All heavy atoms as atom14 arrays in JSON, in Angstrom:
{
  "sequence": "NVIPSSNSVMATNLHFLGLYFDEARYQQLSDDMLSKVKDLVIKE",
  "atom14_mask": [
    [1, 1, 1, 1, 1, 1, 1, 1, 0, 0, 0, 0, 0, 0],
    [1, 1, 1, 1, 1, 1, 1, 0, 0, 0, 0, 0, 0, 0],
    [1, 1, 1, 1, 1, 1, 1, 1, 0, 0, 0, 0, 0, 0],
    [1, 1, 1, 1, 1, 1, 1, 0, 0, 0, 0, 0, 0, 0],
    [1, 1, 1, 1, 1, 1, 0, 0, 0, 0, 0, 0, 0, 0],
    [1, 1, 1, 1, 1, 1, 0, 0, 0, 0, 0, 0, 0, 0],
    [1, 1, 1, 1, 1, 1, 1, 1, 0, 0, 0, 0, 0, 0],
    [1, 1, 1, 1, 1, 1, 0, 0, 0, 0, 0, 0, 0, 0],
    [1, 1, 1, 1, 1, 1, 1, 0, 0, 0, 0, 0, 0, 0],
    [1, 1, 1, 1, 1, 1, 1, 1, 0, 0, 0, 0, 0, 0],
    [1, 1, 1, 1, 1, 0, 0, 0, 0, 0, 0, 0, 0, 0],
    [1, 1, 1, 1, 1, 1, 1, 0, 0, 0, 0, 0, 0, 0],
    [1, 1, 1, 1, 1, 1, 1, 1, 0, 0, 0, 0, 0, 0],
    [1, 1, 1, 1, 1, 1, 1, 1, 0, 0, 0, 0, 0, 0],
    [1, 1, 1, 1, 1, 1, 1, 1, 1, 1, 0, 0, 0, 0],
    [1, 1, 1, 1, 1, 1, 1, 1, 1, 1, 1, 0, 0, 0],
    [1, 1, 1, 1, 1, 1, 1, 1, 0, 0, 0, 0, 0, 0],
    [1, 1, 1, 1, 0, 0, 0, 0, 0, 0, 0, 0, 0, 0],
    [1, 1, 1, 1, 1, 1, 1, 1, 0, 0, 0, 0, 0, 0],
    [1, 1, 1, 1, 1, 1, 1, 1, 1, 1, 1, 1, 0, 0],
    [1, 1, 1, 1, 1, 1, 1, 1, 1, 1, 1, 0, 0, 0],
    [1, 1, 1, 1, 1, 1, 1, 1, 0, 0, 0, 0, 0, 0],
    [1, 1, 1, 1, 1, 1, 1, 1, 1, 0, 0, 0, 0, 0],
    [1, 1, 1, 1, 1, 0, 0, 0, 0, 0, 0, 0, 0, 0],
    [1, 1, 1, 1, 1, 1, 1, 1, 1, 1, 1, 0, 0, 0],
    [1, 1, 1, 1, 1, 1, 1, 1, 1, 1, 1, 1, 0, 0],
    [1, 1, 1, 1, 1, 1, 1, 1, 1, 0, 0, 0, 0, 0],
    [1, 1, 1, 1, 1, 1, 1, 1, 1, 0, 0, 0, 0, 0],
    [1, 1, 1, 1, 1, 1, 1, 1, 0, 0, 0, 0, 0, 0],
    [1, 1, 1, 1, 1, 1, 0, 0, 0, 0, 0, 0, 0, 0],
    [1, 1, 1, 1, 1, 1, 1, 1, 0, 0, 0, 0, 0, 0],
    [1, 1, 1, 1, 1, 1, 1, 1, 0, 0, 0, 0, 0, 0],
    [1, 1, 1, 1, 1, 1, 1, 1, 0, 0, 0, 0, 0, 0],
    [1, 1, 1, 1, 1, 1, 1, 1, 0, 0, 0, 0, 0, 0],
    [1, 1, 1, 1, 1, 1, 0, 0, 0, 0, 0, 0, 0, 0],
    [1, 1, 1, 1, 1, 1, 1, 1, 1, 0, 0, 0, 0, 0],
    [1, 1, 1, 1, 1, 1, 1, 0, 0, 0, 0, 0, 0, 0],
    [1, 1, 1, 1, 1, 1, 1, 1, 1, 0, 0, 0, 0, 0],
    [1, 1, 1, 1, 1, 1, 1, 1, 0, 0, 0, 0, 0, 0],
    [1, 1, 1, 1, 1, 1, 1, 1, 0, 0, 0, 0, 0, 0],
    [1, 1, 1, 1, 1, 1, 1, 0, 0, 0, 0, 0, 0, 0],
    [1, 1, 1, 1, 1, 1, 1, 1, 0, 0, 0, 0, 0, 0],
    [1, 1, 1, 1, 1, 1, 1, 1, 1, 0, 0, 0, 0, 0],
    [1, 1, 1, 1, 1, 1, 1, 1, 1, 0, 0, 0, 0, 0]
  ],
  "atom14_positions": [
    [[-4.24, 33.66, 17.3], [-4.74, 34.99, 17.61], [-5.75, 35.35, 16.53], [-6.43, 34.47, 16.0], [-3.59, 35.99, 17.69], [-3.91, 37.18, 18.56], [-4.92, 37.85, 18.36], [-3.06, 37.46, 19.54], [0.0, 0.0, 0.0], [0.0, 0.0, 0.0], [0.0, 0.0, 0.0], [0.0, 0.0, 0.0], [0.0, 0.0, 0.0], [0.0, 0.0, 0.0]],
    [[-5.88, 36.64, 16.2], [-6.76, 37.02, 15.1], [-6.3, 36.29, 13.84], [-7.12, 35.79, 13.06], [-6.74, 38.55, 14.88], [-7.57, 38.93, 13.67], [-7.28, 39.26, 16.11], [0.0, 0.0, 0.0], [0.0, 0.0, 0.0], [0.0, 0.0, 0.0], [0.0, 0.0, 0.0], [0.0, 0.0, 0.0], [0.0, 0.0, 0.0], [0.0, 0.0, 0.0]],
    [[-4.99, 36.22, 13.63], [-4.43, 35.35, 12.6], [-4.04, 34.04, 13.28], [-3.41, 34.06, 14.33], [-3.19, 36.0, 11.94], [-3.59, 37.31, 11.24], [-2.53, 35.05, 10.95], [-2.43, 38.11, 10.68], [0.0, 0.0, 0.0], [0.0, 0.0, 0.0], [0.0, 0.0, 0.0], [0.0, 0.0, 0.0], [0.0, 0.0, 0.0], [0.0, 0.0, 0.0]],
    [[-4.43, 32.88, 12.72], [-4.07, 31.62, 13.39], [-2.56, 31.45, 13.46], [-1.83, 31.96, 12.61], [-4.73, 30.56, 12.51], [-4.95, 31.2, 11.19], [-5.16, 32.66, 11.47], [0.0, 0.0, 0.0], [0.0, 0.0, 0.0], [0.0, 0.0, 0.0], [0.0, 0.0, 0.0], [0.0, 0.0, 0.0], [0.0, 0.0, 0.0], [0.0, 0.0, 0.0]],
    [[-2.08, 30.73, 14.46], [-0.64, 30.57, 14.65], [-0.04, 29.79, 13.48], [-0.67, 28.89, 12.92], [-0.33, 29.85, 15.97], [-0.67, 28.48, 15.87], [0.0, 0.0, 0.0], [0.0, 0.0, 0.0], [0.0, 0.0, 0.0], [0.0, 0.0, 0.0], [0.0, 0.0, 0.0], [0.0, 0.0, 0.0], [0.0, 0.0, 0.0], [0.0, 0.0, 0.0]],
    [[1.2, 30.14, 13.16], [1.85, 29.49, 12.01], [2.04, 28.0, 12.24], [1.99, 27.22, 11.29], [3.17, 30.18, 11.7], [3.9, 30.46, 12.87], [0.0, 0.0, 0.0], [0.0, 0.0, 0.0], [0.0, 0.0, 0.0], [0.0, 0.0, 0.0], [0.0, 0.0, 0.0], [0.0, 0.0, 0.0], [0.0, 0.0, 0.0], [0.0, 0.0, 0.0]],
    [[2.21, 27.57, 13.49], [2.34, 26.12, 13.74], [1.01, 25.4, 13.56], [0.98, 24.28, 13.03], [2.92, 25.86, 15.13], [4.43, 25.72, 15.09], [4.97, 24.77, 14.55], [5.13, 26.7, 15.66], [0.0, 0.0, 0.0], [0.0, 0.0, 0.0], [0.0, 0.0, 0.0], [0.0, 0.0, 0.0], [0.0, 0.0, 0.0], [0.0, 0.0, 0.0]],
    [[-0.09, 26.01, 13.97], [-1.39, 25.33, 13.78], [-1.73, 25.24, 12.3], [-2.3, 24.24, 11.84], [-2.51, 26.04, 14.56], [-2.87, 27.28, 13.98], [0.0, 0.0, 0.0], [0.0, 0.0, 0.0], [0.0, 0.0, 0.0], [0.0, 0.0, 0.0], [0.0, 0.0, 0.0], [0.0, 0.0, 0.0], [0.0, 0.0, 0.0], [0.0, 0.0, 0.0]],
    [[-1.37, 26.28, 11.53], [-1.63, 26.24, 10.08], [-0.73, 25.19, 9.42], [-1.19, 24.42, 8.56], [-1.41, 27.63, 9.44], [-1.62, 27.57, 7.93], [-2.36, 28.66, 10.05], [0.0, 0.0, 0.0], [0.0, 0.0, 0.0], [0.0, 0.0, 0.0], [0.0, 0.0, 0.0], [0.0, 0.0, 0.0], [0.0, 0.0, 0.0], [0.0, 0.0, 0.0]],
    [[0.54, 25.11, 9.85], [1.43, 24.1, 9.27], [0.97, 22.68, 9.6], [1.01, 21.79, 8.75], [2.87, 24.3, 9.76], [3.68, 25.3, 8.97], [3.66, 25.13, 7.17], [4.27, 23.48, 6.92], [0.0, 0.0, 0.0], [0.0, 0.0, 0.0], [0.0, 0.0, 0.0], [0.0, 0.0, 0.0], [0.0, 0.0, 0.0], [0.0, 0.0, 0.0]],
    [[0.51, 22.46, 10.82], [0.03, 21.13, 11.2], [-1.18, 20.74, 10.34], [-1.32, 19.58, 9.93], [-0.33, 21.1, 12.69], [0.0, 0.0, 0.0], [0.0, 0.0, 0.0], [0.0, 0.0, 0.0], [0.0, 0.0, 0.0], [0.0, 0.0, 0.0], [0.0, 0.0, 0.0], [0.0, 0.0, 0.0], [0.0, 0.0, 0.0], [0.0, 0.0, 0.0]],
    [[-2.03, 21.72, 10.03], [-3.19, 21.47, 9.18], [-2.75, 21.22, 7.74], [-3.26, 20.32, 7.06], [-4.17, 22.67, 9.25], [-4.48, 22.93, 10.63], [-5.45, 22.38, 8.5], [0.0, 0.0, 0.0], [0.0, 0.0, 0.0], [0.0, 0.0, 0.0], [0.0, 0.0, 0.0], [0.0, 0.0, 0.0], [0.0, 0.0, 0.0], [0.0, 0.0, 0.0]],
    [[-1.79, 22.03, 7.26], [-1.25, 21.8, 5.91], [-0.68, 20.39, 5.78], [-0.91, 19.71, 4.77], [-0.13, 22.8, 5.62], [-0.64, 24.22, 5.44], [-1.8, 24.45, 5.13], [0.24, 25.19, 5.65], [0.0, 0.0, 0.0], [0.0, 0.0, 0.0], [0.0, 0.0, 0.0], [0.0, 0.0, 0.0], [0.0, 0.0, 0.0], [0.0, 0.0, 0.0]],
    [[0.07, 19.95, 6.77], [0.67, 18.62, 6.72], [-0.39, 17.53, 6.7], [-0.24, 16.5, 6.04], [1.62, 18.43, 7.91], [2.92, 19.24, 7.85], [3.6, 19.28, 9.22], [3.88, 18.67, 6.8], [0.0, 0.0, 0.0], [0.0, 0.0, 0.0], [0.0, 0.0, 0.0], [0.0, 0.0, 0.0], [0.0, 0.0, 0.0], [0.0, 0.0, 0.0]],
    [[-1.49, 17.75, 7.41], [-2.6, 16.79, 7.41], [-3.15, 16.62, 5.99], [-3.26, 15.5, 5.47], [-3.7, 17.26, 8.36], [-4.95, 16.44, 8.28], [-5.07, 15.21, 8.88], [-6.14, 16.67, 7.65], [-6.28, 14.71, 8.63], [-6.95, 15.58, 7.88], [0.0, 0.0, 0.0], [0.0, 0.0, 0.0], [0.0, 0.0, 0.0], [0.0, 0.0, 0.0]],
    [[-3.47, 17.74, 5.33], [-4.11, 17.67, 4.01], [-3.12, 17.27, 2.91], [-3.45, 16.45, 2.05], [-4.8, 18.99, 3.68], [-6.11, 19.14, 4.4], [-6.22, 19.93, 5.53], [-7.23, 18.47, 3.96], [-7.42, 20.05, 6.22], [-8.44, 18.58, 4.63], [-8.54, 19.37, 5.76], [0.0, 0.0, 0.0], [0.0, 0.0, 0.0], [0.0, 0.0, 0.0]],
    [[-1.91, 17.84, 2.95], [-0.93, 17.46, 1.93], [-0.48, 16.02, 2.11], [-0.14, 15.34, 1.13], [0.26, 18.42, 1.96], [-0.07, 19.85, 1.49], [1.13, 20.77, 1.71], [-0.5, 19.9, 0.04], [0.0, 0.0, 0.0], [0.0, 0.0, 0.0], [0.0, 0.0, 0.0], [0.0, 0.0, 0.0], [0.0, 0.0, 0.0], [0.0, 0.0, 0.0]],
    [[-0.48, 15.53, 3.33], [-0.19, 14.12, 3.58], [-1.19, 13.22, 2.86], [-0.82, 12.16, 2.32], [0.0, 0.0, 0.0], [0.0, 0.0, 0.0], [0.0, 0.0, 0.0], [0.0, 0.0, 0.0], [0.0, 0.0, 0.0], [0.0, 0.0, 0.0], [0.0, 0.0, 0.0], [0.0, 0.0, 0.0], [0.0, 0.0, 0.0], [0.0, 0.0, 0.0]],
    [[-2.45, 13.64, 2.82], [-3.47, 12.87, 2.1], [-3.32, 13.04, 0.58], [-3.39, 12.06, -0.18], [-4.87, 13.32, 2.53], [-5.25, 13.0, 3.99], [-6.57, 13.67, 4.36], [-5.35, 11.49, 4.21], [0.0, 0.0, 0.0], [0.0, 0.0, 0.0], [0.0, 0.0, 0.0], [0.0, 0.0, 0.0], [0.0, 0.0, 0.0], [0.0, 0.0, 0.0]],
    [[-3.1, 14.27, 0.13], [-2.96, 14.51, -1.31], [-1.8, 13.72, -1.92], [-1.9, 13.19, -3.02], [-2.74, 16.0, -1.58], [-4.01, 16.79, -1.78], [-4.34, 17.83, -0.91], [-4.87, 16.52, -2.83], [-5.5, 18.58, -1.08], [-6.03, 17.25, -3.02], [-6.35, 18.28, -2.15], [-7.5, 19.0, -2.33], [0.0, 0.0, 0.0], [0.0, 0.0, 0.0]],
    [[-0.67, 13.69, -1.19], [0.54, 13.09, -1.76], [0.88, 11.73, -1.15], [1.94, 11.18, -1.41], [1.72, 14.06, -1.58], [1.62, 15.26, -2.48], [1.14, 16.47, -1.98], [1.96, 15.19, -3.81], [1.02, 17.59, -2.79], [1.86, 16.3, -4.64], [1.38, 17.5, -4.14], [0.0, 0.0, 0.0], [0.0, 0.0, 0.0], [0.0, 0.0, 0.0]],
    [[-0.02, 11.2, -0.33], [0.21, 9.91, 0.33], [1.56, 9.92, 1.05], [2.37, 9.01, 0.92], [0.13, 8.77, -0.7], [0.01, 7.4, -0.02], [-0.4, 7.37, 1.17], [0.31, 6.39, -0.66], [0.0, 0.0, 0.0], [0.0, 0.0, 0.0], [0.0, 0.0, 0.0], [0.0, 0.0, 0.0], [0.0, 0.0, 0.0], [0.0, 0.0, 0.0]],
    [[1.8, 11.01, 1.79], [3.05, 11.2, 2.54], [2.81, 10.87, 4.0], [2.29, 11.71, 4.76], [3.53, 12.65, 2.41], [4.21, 12.98, 1.09], [5.7, 12.66, 1.12], [6.18, 12.09, 2.12], [6.37, 12.97, 0.13], [0.0, 0.0, 0.0], [0.0, 0.0, 0.0], [0.0, 0.0, 0.0], [0.0, 0.0, 0.0], [0.0, 0.0, 0.0]],
    [[3.19, 9.67, 4.41], [2.95, 9.25, 5.79], [3.68, 10.15, 6.77], [3.19, 10.43, 7.87], [3.39, 7.8, 5.97], [0.0, 0.0, 0.0], [0.0, 0.0, 0.0], [0.0, 0.0, 0.0], [0.0, 0.0, 0.0], [0.0, 0.0, 0.0], [0.0, 0.0, 0.0], [0.0, 0.0, 0.0], [0.0, 0.0, 0.0], [0.0, 0.0, 0.0]],
    [[4.88, 10.64, 6.38], [5.65, 11.49, 7.3], [4.88, 12.78, 7.61], [4.86, 13.24, 8.75], [7.01, 11.83, 6.68], [7.87, 12.64, 7.65], [9.08, 13.27, 7.0], [9.77, 14.12, 7.97], [10.5, 15.18, 7.63], [10.62, 15.53, 6.37], [11.09, 15.9, 8.56], [0.0, 0.0, 0.0], [0.0, 0.0, 0.0], [0.0, 0.0, 0.0]],
    [[4.27, 13.39, 6.59], [3.49, 14.61, 6.82], [2.39, 14.34, 7.85], [2.18, 15.13, 8.77], [2.83, 15.08, 5.52], [3.7, 15.72, 4.49], [5.1, 15.77, 4.59], [3.12, 16.3, 3.36], [5.87, 16.37, 3.61], [3.89, 16.9, 2.36], [5.26, 16.93, 2.5], [6.01, 17.53, 1.52], [0.0, 0.0, 0.0], [0.0, 0.0, 0.0]],
    [[1.68, 13.26, 7.64], [0.54, 12.95, 8.54], [1.03, 12.7, 9.96], [0.41, 13.16, 10.93], [-0.2, 11.73, 8.01], [-0.87, 12.02, 6.68], [-2.36, 11.74, 6.74], [-2.77, 10.61, 6.66], [-3.13, 12.79, 6.89], [0.0, 0.0, 0.0], [0.0, 0.0, 0.0], [0.0, 0.0, 0.0], [0.0, 0.0, 0.0], [0.0, 0.0, 0.0]],
    [[2.15, 11.98, 10.07], [2.69, 11.69, 11.4], [3.12, 12.97, 12.12], [2.85, 13.16, 13.31], [3.87, 10.72, 11.29], [4.37, 10.18, 12.63], [3.32, 9.36, 13.36], [2.77, 8.43, 12.79], [3.03, 9.72, 14.6], [0.0, 0.0, 0.0], [0.0, 0.0, 0.0], [0.0, 0.0, 0.0], [0.0, 0.0, 0.0], [0.0, 0.0, 0.0]],
    [[3.79, 13.87, 11.37], [4.2, 15.14, 11.97], [2.99, 15.94, 12.43], [3.0, 16.55, 13.51], [5.01, 15.97, 10.97], [6.44, 15.51, 10.67], [7.05, 16.35, 9.56], [7.3, 15.61, 11.93], [0.0, 0.0, 0.0], [0.0, 0.0, 0.0], [0.0, 0.0, 0.0], [0.0, 0.0, 0.0], [0.0, 0.0, 0.0], [0.0, 0.0, 0.0]],
    [[1.94, 15.97, 11.62], [0.71, 16.68, 11.97], [0.12, 16.12, 13.26], [-0.25, 16.86, 14.18], [-0.29, 16.58, 10.82], [-1.52, 17.15, 11.17], [0.0, 0.0, 0.0], [0.0, 0.0, 0.0], [0.0, 0.0, 0.0], [0.0, 0.0, 0.0], [0.0, 0.0, 0.0], [0.0, 0.0, 0.0], [0.0, 0.0, 0.0], [0.0, 0.0, 0.0]],
    [[0.05, 14.79, 13.33], [-0.46, 14.13, 14.55], [0.4, 14.48, 15.76], [-0.11, 14.8, 16.85], [-0.48, 12.61, 14.38], [-1.49, 12.12, 13.36], [-2.35, 12.94, 12.94], [-1.42, 10.94, 12.97], [0.0, 0.0, 0.0], [0.0, 0.0, 0.0], [0.0, 0.0, 0.0], [0.0, 0.0, 0.0], [0.0, 0.0, 0.0], [0.0, 0.0, 0.0]],
    [[1.72, 14.42, 15.57], [2.63, 14.68, 16.68], [2.5, 16.12, 17.18], [2.53, 16.38, 18.39], [4.08, 14.42, 16.26], [4.37, 12.94, 16.02], [3.52, 12.1, 16.4], [5.42, 12.62, 15.43], [0.0, 0.0, 0.0], [0.0, 0.0, 0.0], [0.0, 0.0, 0.0], [0.0, 0.0, 0.0], [0.0, 0.0, 0.0], [0.0, 0.0, 0.0]],
    [[2.39, 17.06, 16.25], [2.25, 18.47, 16.64], [0.98, 18.68, 17.45], [0.99, 19.33, 18.5], [2.25, 19.37, 15.4], [3.59, 19.45, 14.7], [3.51, 20.29, 13.1], [3.38, 22.01, 13.63], [0.0, 0.0, 0.0], [0.0, 0.0, 0.0], [0.0, 0.0, 0.0], [0.0, 0.0, 0.0], [0.0, 0.0, 0.0], [0.0, 0.0, 0.0]],
    [[-0.12, 18.12, 16.97], [-1.39, 18.27, 17.7], [-1.32, 17.59, 19.07], [-1.85, 18.11, 20.06], [-2.54, 17.69, 16.87], [-3.94, 17.82, 17.45], [-4.3, 19.27, 17.77], [-4.98, 17.22, 16.5], [0.0, 0.0, 0.0], [0.0, 0.0, 0.0], [0.0, 0.0, 0.0], [0.0, 0.0, 0.0], [0.0, 0.0, 0.0], [0.0, 0.0, 0.0]],
    [[-0.63, 16.45, 19.13], [-0.56, 15.72, 20.41], [0.14, 16.55, 21.49], [-0.17, 16.43, 22.67], [0.17, 14.39, 20.22], [1.56, 14.58, 20.05], [0.0, 0.0, 0.0], [0.0, 0.0, 0.0], [0.0, 0.0, 0.0], [0.0, 0.0, 0.0], [0.0, 0.0, 0.0], [0.0, 0.0, 0.0], [0.0, 0.0, 0.0], [0.0, 0.0, 0.0]],
    [[1.06, 17.43, 21.07], [1.81, 18.23, 22.05], [0.96, 19.34, 22.67], [1.2, 19.75, 23.8], [3.05, 18.83, 21.39], [4.12, 17.78, 21.08], [5.34, 18.39, 20.43], [6.48, 17.4, 20.34], [6.2, 16.29, 19.41], [0.0, 0.0, 0.0], [0.0, 0.0, 0.0], [0.0, 0.0, 0.0], [0.0, 0.0, 0.0], [0.0, 0.0, 0.0]],
    [[-0.01, 19.84, 21.91], [-0.8, 20.98, 22.42], [-2.21, 20.58, 22.85], [-2.96, 21.41, 23.35], [-0.88, 22.12, 21.37], [0.49, 22.67, 21.04], [-1.59, 21.66, 20.11], [0.0, 0.0, 0.0], [0.0, 0.0, 0.0], [0.0, 0.0, 0.0], [0.0, 0.0, 0.0], [0.0, 0.0, 0.0], [0.0, 0.0, 0.0], [0.0, 0.0, 0.0]],
    [[-2.57, 19.32, 22.65], [-3.97, 18.9, 22.84], [-4.52, 19.29, 24.21], [-5.64, 19.8, 24.32], [-4.09, 17.39, 22.64], [-5.52, 16.91, 22.86], [-5.62, 15.41, 23.03], [-6.95, 15.07, 23.66], [-7.1, 13.65, 23.94], [0.0, 0.0, 0.0], [0.0, 0.0, 0.0], [0.0, 0.0, 0.0], [0.0, 0.0, 0.0], [0.0, 0.0, 0.0]],
    [[-3.76, 19.06, 25.26], [-4.27, 19.35, 26.61], [-4.63, 20.83, 26.76], [-5.63, 21.17, 27.4], [-3.24, 18.95, 27.68], [-3.1, 17.43, 27.78], [-3.99, 16.71, 27.27], [-2.09, 16.96, 28.34], [0.0, 0.0, 0.0], [0.0, 0.0, 0.0], [0.0, 0.0, 0.0], [0.0, 0.0, 0.0], [0.0, 0.0, 0.0], [0.0, 0.0, 0.0]],
    [[-3.81, 21.71, 26.16], [-4.09, 23.14, 26.25], [-5.27, 23.52, 25.34], [-6.05, 24.41, 25.67], [-2.85, 23.95, 25.87], [-2.89, 25.45, 26.18], [-3.07, 25.7, 27.67], [-1.62, 26.14, 25.68], [0.0, 0.0, 0.0], [0.0, 0.0, 0.0], [0.0, 0.0, 0.0], [0.0, 0.0, 0.0], [0.0, 0.0, 0.0], [0.0, 0.0, 0.0]],
    [[-5.41, 22.84, 24.22], [-6.54, 23.11, 23.31], [-7.86, 22.82, 24.04], [-8.82, 23.59, 23.94], [-6.46, 22.25, 22.02], [-7.66, 22.54, 21.12], [-5.18, 22.54, 21.27], [0.0, 0.0, 0.0], [0.0, 0.0, 0.0], [0.0, 0.0, 0.0], [0.0, 0.0, 0.0], [0.0, 0.0, 0.0], [0.0, 0.0, 0.0], [0.0, 0.0, 0.0]],
    [[-7.91, 21.73, 24.79], [-9.13, 21.39, 25.54], [-9.42, 22.47, 26.58], [-10.55, 22.93, 26.72], [-8.97, 20.02, 26.24], [-8.86, 18.9, 25.19], [-10.15, 19.75, 27.17], [-8.46, 17.56, 25.77], [0.0, 0.0, 0.0], [0.0, 0.0, 0.0], [0.0, 0.0, 0.0], [0.0, 0.0, 0.0], [0.0, 0.0, 0.0], [0.0, 0.0, 0.0]],
    [[-8.37, 22.91, 27.26], [-8.54, 23.86, 28.36], [-8.86, 25.27, 27.87], [-9.7, 25.97, 28.43], [-7.24, 23.88, 29.18], [-7.44, 24.34, 30.63], [-6.1, 24.48, 31.35], [-5.34, 23.15, 31.4], [-4.06, 23.29, 32.13], [0.0, 0.0, 0.0], [0.0, 0.0, 0.0], [0.0, 0.0, 0.0], [0.0, 0.0, 0.0], [0.0, 0.0, 0.0]],
    [[-8.16, 25.71, 26.81], [-8.27, 27.1, 26.34], [-8.55, 27.16, 24.83], [-7.74, 27.69, 24.06], [-6.97, 27.86, 26.65], [-6.66, 28.02, 28.12], [-7.57, 29.03, 28.81], [-8.41, 29.66, 28.13], [-7.44, 29.19, 30.03], [0.0, 0.0, 0.0], [0.0, 0.0, 0.0], [0.0, 0.0, 0.0], [0.0, 0.0, 0.0], [0.0, 0.0, 0.0]]
  ]
}
């Protein structure tokens, strides 16, 4: 919304912190979260 959703911010945090700390789990969770909403992101 006007404030981004807490899940989209967390998925982004996991992406960047996964790189900073070489945490494969963070990156995988970020990918998985985005994969669940991708179809709706394209549409809306």
